[in-house]
């Protein structure tokens, strides 16, 4: 009986956590639908990112 009393707080914590997770999943509704797909970058955006990468690499090399 004494060991049961020692484990009651731990069991209560696990039970409350499971209840909270269940309630939160219900409040968010059906989130199983996939969100928007990956963003497709255009050629101009890719070239801008490449220039930025080269600039950053140059700064990193010059600072060392």
PDB file of N, CA and C in Angstrom:
ATOM      1  N   UNK A   1       0.819  -1.198   0.000  1.00  0.00           N
ATOM      2  CA  UNK A   1       0.000   0.000   0.000  1.00  0.00           C
ATOM      3  C   UNK A   1       0.865   1.265   0.000  1.00  0.00           C
ATOM      4  N   UNK A   2       1.961   1.182   0.759  1.00  0.00           N
ATOM      5  CA  UNK A   2       2.827   2.352   0.850  1.00  0.00           C
ATOM      6  C   UNK A   2       3.493   2.663  -0.492  1.00  0.00           C
ATOM      7  N   UNK A   3       3.876   1.620  -1.249  1.00  0.00           N
ATOM      8  CA  UNK A   3       4.498   1.859  -2.548  1.00  0.00           C
ATOM      9  C   UNK A   3       3.487   2.430  -3.540  1.00  0.00           C
ATOM     10  N   UNK A   4       2.229   2.050  -3.389  1.00  0.00           N
ATOM     11  CA  UNK A   4       1.193   2.608  -4.248  1.00  0.00           C
ATOM     12  C   UNK A   4       1.077   4.110  -4.024  1.00  0.00           C
ATOM     13  N   UNK A   5       1.142   4.526  -2.790  1.00  0.00           N
ATOM     14  CA  UNK A   5       1.060   5.946  -2.468  1.00  0.00           C
ATOM     15  C   UNK A   5       2.253   6.691  -3.062  1.00  0.00           C
ATOM     16  N   UNK A   6       3.407   6.050  -3.123  1.00  0.00           N
ATOM     17  CA  UNK A   6       4.590   6.683  -3.691  1.00  0.00           C
ATOM     18  C   UNK A   6       4.461   6.886  -5.197  1.00  0.00           C
ATOM     19  N   UNK A   7       3.779   5.968  -5.880  1.00  0.00           N
ATOM     20  CA  UNK A   7       3.660   6.045  -7.331  1.00  0.00           C
ATOM     21  C   UNK A   7       2.423   6.788  -7.812  1.00  0.00           C
ATOM     22  N   UNK A   8       1.511   7.139  -6.930  1.00  0.00           N
ATOM     23  CA  UNK A   8       0.302   7.848  -7.339  1.00  0.00           C
ATOM     24  C   UNK A   8       0.592   9.184  -8.003  1.00  0.00           C
ATOM     25  N   UNK A   9       1.495  10.026  -7.498  1.00  0.00           N
ATOM     26  CA  UNK A   9       1.764  11.287  -8.202  1.00  0.00           C
ATOM     27  C   UNK A   9       2.288  11.076  -9.624  1.00  0.00           C
ATOM     28  N   UNK A  10       3.158  10.085  -9.810  1.00  0.00           N
ATOM     29  CA  UNK A  10       3.684   9.817 -11.151  1.00  0.00           C
ATOM     30  C   UNK A  10       2.581   9.333 -12.079  1.00  0.00           C
ATOM     31  N   UNK A  11       1.726   8.455 -11.604  1.00  0.00           N
ATOM     32  CA  UNK A  11       0.623   7.972 -12.431  1.00  0.00           C
ATOM     33  C   UNK A  11      -0.358   9.095 -12.748  1.00  0.00           C
ATOM     34  N   UNK A  12      -0.587   9.957 -11.785  1.00  0.00           N
ATOM     35  CA  UNK A  12      -1.480  11.088 -12.022  1.00  0.00           C
ATOM     36  C   UNK A  12      -0.911  12.032 -13.064  1.00  0.00           C
ATOM     37  N   UNK A  13       0.390  12.246 -13.024  1.00  0.00           N
ATOM     38  CA  UNK A  13       1.030  13.140 -13.988  1.00  0.00           C
ATOM     39  C   UNK A  13       0.905  12.580 -15.406  1.00  0.00           C
ATOM     40  N   UNK A  14       1.153  11.303 -15.549  1.00  0.00           N
ATOM     41  CA  UNK A  14       1.047  10.669 -16.863  1.00  0.00           C
ATOM     42  C   UNK A  14      -0.390  10.743 -17.371  1.00  0.00           C
ATOM     43  N   UNK A  15      -1.342  10.516 -16.500  1.00  0.00           N
ATOM     44  CA  UNK A  15      -2.742  10.573 -16.890  1.00  0.00           C
ATOM     45  C   UNK A  15      -3.164  11.978 -17.308  1.00  0.00           C
ATOM     46  N   UNK A  16      -2.731  12.985 -16.552  1.00  0.00           N
ATOM     47  CA  UNK A  16      -3.074  14.361 -16.917  1.00  0.00           C
ATOM     48  C   UNK A  16      -2.421  14.757 -18.234  1.00  0.00           C
ATOM     49  N   UNK A  17      -1.196  14.297 -18.464  1.00  0.00           N
ATOM     50  CA  UNK A  17      -0.514  14.618 -19.719  1.00  0.00           C
ATOM     51  C   UNK A  17      -1.258  13.993 -20.894  1.00  0.00           C
ATOM     52  N   UNK A  18      -1.684  12.758 -20.751  1.00  0.00           N
ATOM     53  CA  UNK A  18      -2.435  12.098 -21.823  1.00  0.00           C
ATOM     54  C   UNK A  18      -3.755  12.816 -22.078  1.00  0.00           C
ATOM     55  N   UNK A  19      -4.417  13.259 -21.017  1.00  0.00           N
ATOM     56  CA  UNK A  19      -5.671  13.987 -21.165  1.00  0.00           C
ATOM     57  C   UNK A  19      -5.441  15.319 -21.878  1.00  0.00           C
ATOM     58  N   UNK A  20      -4.393  16.040 -21.497  1.00  0.00           N
ATOM     59  CA  UNK A  20      -4.099  17.320 -22.154  1.00  0.00           C
ATOM     60  C   UNK A  20      -3.796  17.130 -23.633  1.00  0.00           C
ATOM     61  N   UNK A  21      -3.025  16.107 -23.962  1.00  0.00           N
ATOM     62  CA  UNK A  21      -2.695  15.860 -25.369  1.00  0.00           C
ATOM     63  C   UNK A  21      -3.949  15.529 -26.161  1.00  0.00           C
ATOM     64  N   UNK A  22      -4.821  14.745 -25.577  1.00  0.00           N
ATOM     65  CA  UNK A  22      -6.054  14.384 -26.271  1.00  0.00           C
ATOM     66  C   UNK A  22      -6.938  15.609 -26.497  1.00  0.00           C
ATOM     67  N   UNK A  23      -7.056  16.445 -25.478  1.00  0.00           N
ATOM     68  CA  UNK A  23      -7.890  17.640 -25.612  1.00  0.00           C
ATOM     69  C   UNK A  23      -7.291  18.614 -26.627  1.00  0.00           C
ATOM     70  N   UNK A  24      -5.982  18.761 -26.627  1.00  0.00           N
ATOM     71  CA  UNK A  24      -5.362  19.672 -27.584  1.00  0.00           C
ATOM     72  C   UNK A  24      -5.517  19.161 -29.008  1.00  0.00           C
ATOM     73  N   UNK A  25      -5.409  17.855 -29.208  1.00  0.00           N
ATOM     74  CA  UNK A  25      -5.562  17.326 -30.562  1.00  0.00           C
ATOM     75  C   UNK A  25      -6.998  17.496 -31.049  1.00  0.00           C
ATOM     76  N   UNK A  26      -7.958  17.414 -30.159  1.00  0.00           N
ATOM     77  CA  UNK A  26      -9.351  17.631 -30.547  1.00  0.00           C
ATOM     78  C   UNK A  26      -9.614  19.085 -30.890  1.00  0.00           C
ATOM     79  N   UNK A  27      -9.006  20.002 -30.146  1.00  0.00           N
ATOM     80  CA  UNK A  27      -9.277  21.417 -30.376  1.00  0.00           C
ATOM     81  C   UNK A  27      -8.696  21.907 -31.694  1.00  0.00           C
ATOM     82  N   UNK A  28      -7.672  21.238 -32.200  1.00  0.00           N
ATOM     83  CA  UNK A  28      -7.063  21.641 -33.463  1.00  0.00           C
ATOM     84  C   UNK A  28      -7.789  21.050 -34.660  1.00  0.00           C
ATOM     85  N   UNK A  29      -8.714  20.198 -34.433  1.00  0.00           N
ATOM     86  CA  UNK A  29      -9.491  19.626 -35.529  1.00  0.00           C
ATOM     87  C   UNK A  29      -8.661  18.640 -36.322  1.00  0.00           C
ATOM     88  N   UNK A  30      -9.047  18.447 -37.557  1.00  0.00           N
ATOM     89  CA  UNK A  30      -8.370  17.487 -38.426  1.00  0.00           C
ATOM     90  C   UNK A  30      -7.175  18.164 -39.077  1.00  0.00           C
ATOM     91  N   UNK A  31      -5.986  17.870 -38.564  1.00  0.00           N
ATOM     92  CA  UNK A  31      -4.772  18.461 -39.124  1.00  0.00           C
ATOM     93  C   UNK A  31      -4.009  17.455 -39.962  1.00  0.00           C
ATOM     94  N   UNK A  32      -4.676  16.361 -40.331  1.00  0.00           N
ATOM     95  CA  UNK A  32      -3.984  15.336 -41.102  1.00  0.00           C
ATOM     96  C   UNK A  32      -3.821  15.723 -42.570  1.00  0.00           C
ATOM     97  N   UNK A  33      -4.503  16.770 -43.006  1.00  0.00           N
ATOM     98  CA  UNK A  33      -4.370  17.192 -44.391  1.00  0.00           C
ATOM     99  C   UNK A  33      -3.015  17.838 -44.596  1.00  0.00           C
ATOM    100  N   UNK A  34      -2.445  17.566 -45.714  1.00  0.00           N
ATOM    101  CA  UNK A  34      -1.130  18.124 -46.016  1.00  0.00           C
ATOM    102  C   UNK A  34      -1.243  19.621 -46.245  1.00  0.00           C
ATOM    103  N   UNK A  35      -0.250  20.336 -45.786  1.00  0.00           N
ATOM    104  CA  UNK A  35      -0.217  21.776 -45.983  1.00  0.00           C
ATOM    105  C   UNK A  35       0.251  22.098 -47.384  1.00  0.00           C
ATOM    106  N   UNK A  36       0.535  23.350 -47.629  1.00  0.00           N
ATOM    107  CA  UNK A  36       1.011  23.726 -48.961  1.00  0.00           C
ATOM    108  C   UNK A  36       2.351  23.054 -49.254  1.00  0.00           C
ATOM    109  N   UNK A  37       2.557  22.752 -50.503  1.00  0.00           N
ATOM    110  CA  UNK A  37       3.783  22.075 -50.907  1.00  0.00           C
ATOM    111  C   UNK A  37       4.990  22.977 -50.791  1.00  0.00           C
ATOM    112  N   UNK A  38       6.147  22.440 -51.105  1.00  0.00           N
ATOM    113  CA  UNK A  38       7.361  23.256 -51.015  1.00  0.00           C
ATOM    114  C   UNK A  38       7.300  24.417 -51.993  1.00  0.00           C
ATOM    115  N   UNK A  39       7.867  25.516 -51.576  1.00  0.00           N
ATOM    116  CA  UNK A  39       7.866  26.724 -52.398  1.00  0.00           C
ATOM    117  C   UNK A  39       8.831  26.536 -53.564  1.00  0.00           C
ATOM    118  N   UNK A  40       8.366  26.780 -54.739  1.00  0.00           N
ATOM    119  CA  UNK A  40       9.215  26.661 -55.930  1.00  0.00           C
ATOM    120  C   UNK A  40       9.882  27.995 -56.194  1.00  0.00           C
ATOM    121  N   UNK A  41      11.189  27.984 -56.285  1.00  0.00           N
ATOM    122  CA  UNK A  41      11.940  29.202 -56.551  1.00  0.00           C
ATOM    123  C   UNK A  41      12.108  29.396 -58.050  1.00  0.00           C
ATOM    124  N   UNK A  42      11.963  30.621 -58.471  1.00  0.00           N
ATOM    125  CA  UNK A  42      12.202  30.943 -59.867  1.00  0.00           C
ATOM    126  C   UNK A  42      13.694  31.079 -60.122  1.00  0.00           C
ATOM    127  N   UNK A  43      14.062  31.151 -61.387  1.00  0.00           N
ATOM    128  CA  UNK A  43      15.473  31.257 -61.753  1.00  0.00           C
ATOM    129  C   UNK A  43      16.118  32.517 -61.195  1.00  0.00           C
ATOM    130  N   UNK A  44      15.381  33.630 -61.179  1.00  0.00           N
ATOM    131  CA  UNK A  44      15.949  34.870 -60.653  1.00  0.00           C
ATOM    132  C   UNK A  44      16.206  34.765 -59.159  1.00  0.00           C
ATOM    133  N   UNK A  45      15.303  34.098 -58.428  1.00  0.00           N
ATOM    134  CA  UNK A  45      15.508  33.921 -56.992  1.00  0.00           C
ATOM    135  C   UNK A  45      16.706  33.019 -56.714  1.00  0.00           C
ATOM    136  N   UNK A  46      16.856  31.993 -57.529  1.00  0.00           N
ATOM    137  CA  UNK A  46      17.990  31.082 -57.354  1.00  0.00           C
ATOM    138  C   UNK A  46      19.293  31.807 -57.626  1.00  0.00           C
ATOM    139  N   UNK A  47      19.323  32.621 -58.674  1.00  0.00           N
ATOM    140  CA  UNK A  47      20.561  33.345 -58.973  1.00  0.00           C
ATOM    141  C   UNK A  47      20.862  34.372 -57.881  1.00  0.00           C
ATOM    142  N   UNK A  48      19.837  35.003 -57.317  1.00  0.00           N
ATOM    143  CA  UNK A  48      20.046  35.929 -56.197  1.00  0.00           C
ATOM    144  C   UNK A  48      20.635  35.199 -54.998  1.00  0.00           C
ATOM    145  N   UNK A  49      20.113  34.029 -54.720  1.00  0.00           N
ATOM    146  CA  UNK A  49      20.622  33.252 -53.590  1.00  0.00           C
ATOM    147  C   UNK A  49      22.062  32.795 -53.832  1.00  0.00           C
ATOM    148  N   UNK A  50      22.384  32.438 -55.061  1.00  0.00           N
ATOM    149  CA  UNK A  50      23.762  32.034 -55.373  1.00  0.00           C
ATOM    150  C   UNK A  50      24.726  33.202 -55.190  1.00  0.00           C
ATOM    151  N   UNK A  51      24.327  34.402 -55.639  1.00  0.00           N
ATOM    152  CA  UNK A  51      25.173  35.589 -55.447  1.00  0.00           C
ATOM    153  C   UNK A  51      25.366  35.889 -53.966  1.00  0.00           C
ATOM    154  N   UNK A  52      24.301  35.764 -53.202  1.00  0.00           N
ATOM    155  CA  UNK A  52      24.392  36.002 -51.757  1.00  0.00           C
ATOM    156  C   UNK A  52      25.321  34.986 -51.098  1.00  0.00           C
ATOM    157  N   UNK A  53      25.222  33.741 -51.526  1.00  0.00           N
ATOM    158  CA  UNK A  53      26.093  32.695 -50.994  1.00  0.00           C
ATOM    159  C   UNK A  53      27.552  32.989 -51.304  1.00  0.00           C
ATOM    160  N   UNK A  54      27.834  33.383 -52.520  1.00  0.00           N
ATOM    161  CA  UNK A  54      29.208  33.720 -52.894  1.00  0.00           C
ATOM    162  C   UNK A  54      29.723  34.914 -52.099  1.00  0.00           C
ATOM    163  N   UNK A  55      28.861  35.906 -51.879  1.00  0.00           N
ATOM    164  CA  UNK A  55      29.254  37.072 -51.093  1.00  0.00           C
ATOM    165  C   UNK A  55      29.590  36.674 -49.663  1.00  0.00           C
ATOM    166  N   UNK A  56      28.751  35.821 -49.083  1.00  0.00           N
ATOM    167  CA  UNK A  56      28.983  35.376 -47.710  1.00  0.00           C
ATOM    168  C   UNK A  56      30.250  34.526 -47.610  1.00  0.00           C
ATOM    169  N   UNK A  57      30.467  33.679 -48.608  1.00  0.00           N
ATOM    170  CA  UNK A  57      31.697  32.869 -48.598  1.00  0.00           C
ATOM    171  C   UNK A  57      32.933  33.771 -48.686  1.00  0.00           C
ATOM    172  N   UNK A  58      32.848  34.809 -49.510  1.00  0.00           N
ATOM    173  CA  UNK A  58      33.951  35.744 -49.627  1.00  0.00           C
ATOM    174  C   UNK A  58      34.218  36.465 -48.317  1.00  0.00           C
ATOM    175  N   UNK A  59      33.163  36.891 -47.633  1.00  0.00           N
ATOM    176  CA  UNK A  59      33.316  37.551 -46.336  1.00  0.00           C
ATOM    177  C   UNK A  59      33.935  36.599 -45.316  1.00  0.00           C
ATOM    178  N   UNK A  60      33.500  35.341 -45.342  1.00  0.00           N
ATOM    179  CA  UNK A  60      34.011  34.369 -44.373  1.00  0.00           C
ATOM    180  C   UNK A  60      35.505  34.113 -44.626  1.00  0.00           C
ATOM    181  N   UNK A  61      35.907  34.032 -45.885  1.00  0.00           N
ATOM    182  CA  UNK A  61      37.320  33.787 -46.196  1.00  0.00           C
ATOM    183  C   UNK A  61      38.178  34.991 -45.864  1.00  0.00           C
ATOM    184  N   UNK A  62      37.652  36.183 -46.075  1.00  0.00           N
ATOM    185  CA  UNK A  62      38.442  37.380 -45.800  1.00  0.00           C
ATOM    186  C   UNK A  62      38.579  37.633 -44.295  1.00  0.00           C
ATOM    187  N   UNK A  63      37.650  37.146 -43.505  1.00  0.00           N
ATOM    188  CA  UNK A  63      37.730  37.374 -42.053  1.00  0.00           C
ATOM    189  C   UNK A  63      38.646  36.377 -41.364  1.00  0.00           C
ATOM    190  N   UNK A  64      39.026  35.299 -42.032  1.00  0.00           N
ATOM    191  CA  UNK A  64      39.903  34.309 -41.389  1.00  0.00           C
ATOM    192  C   UNK A  64      41.345  34.526 -41.732  1.00  0.00           C
TER     193      UNK A  64
END
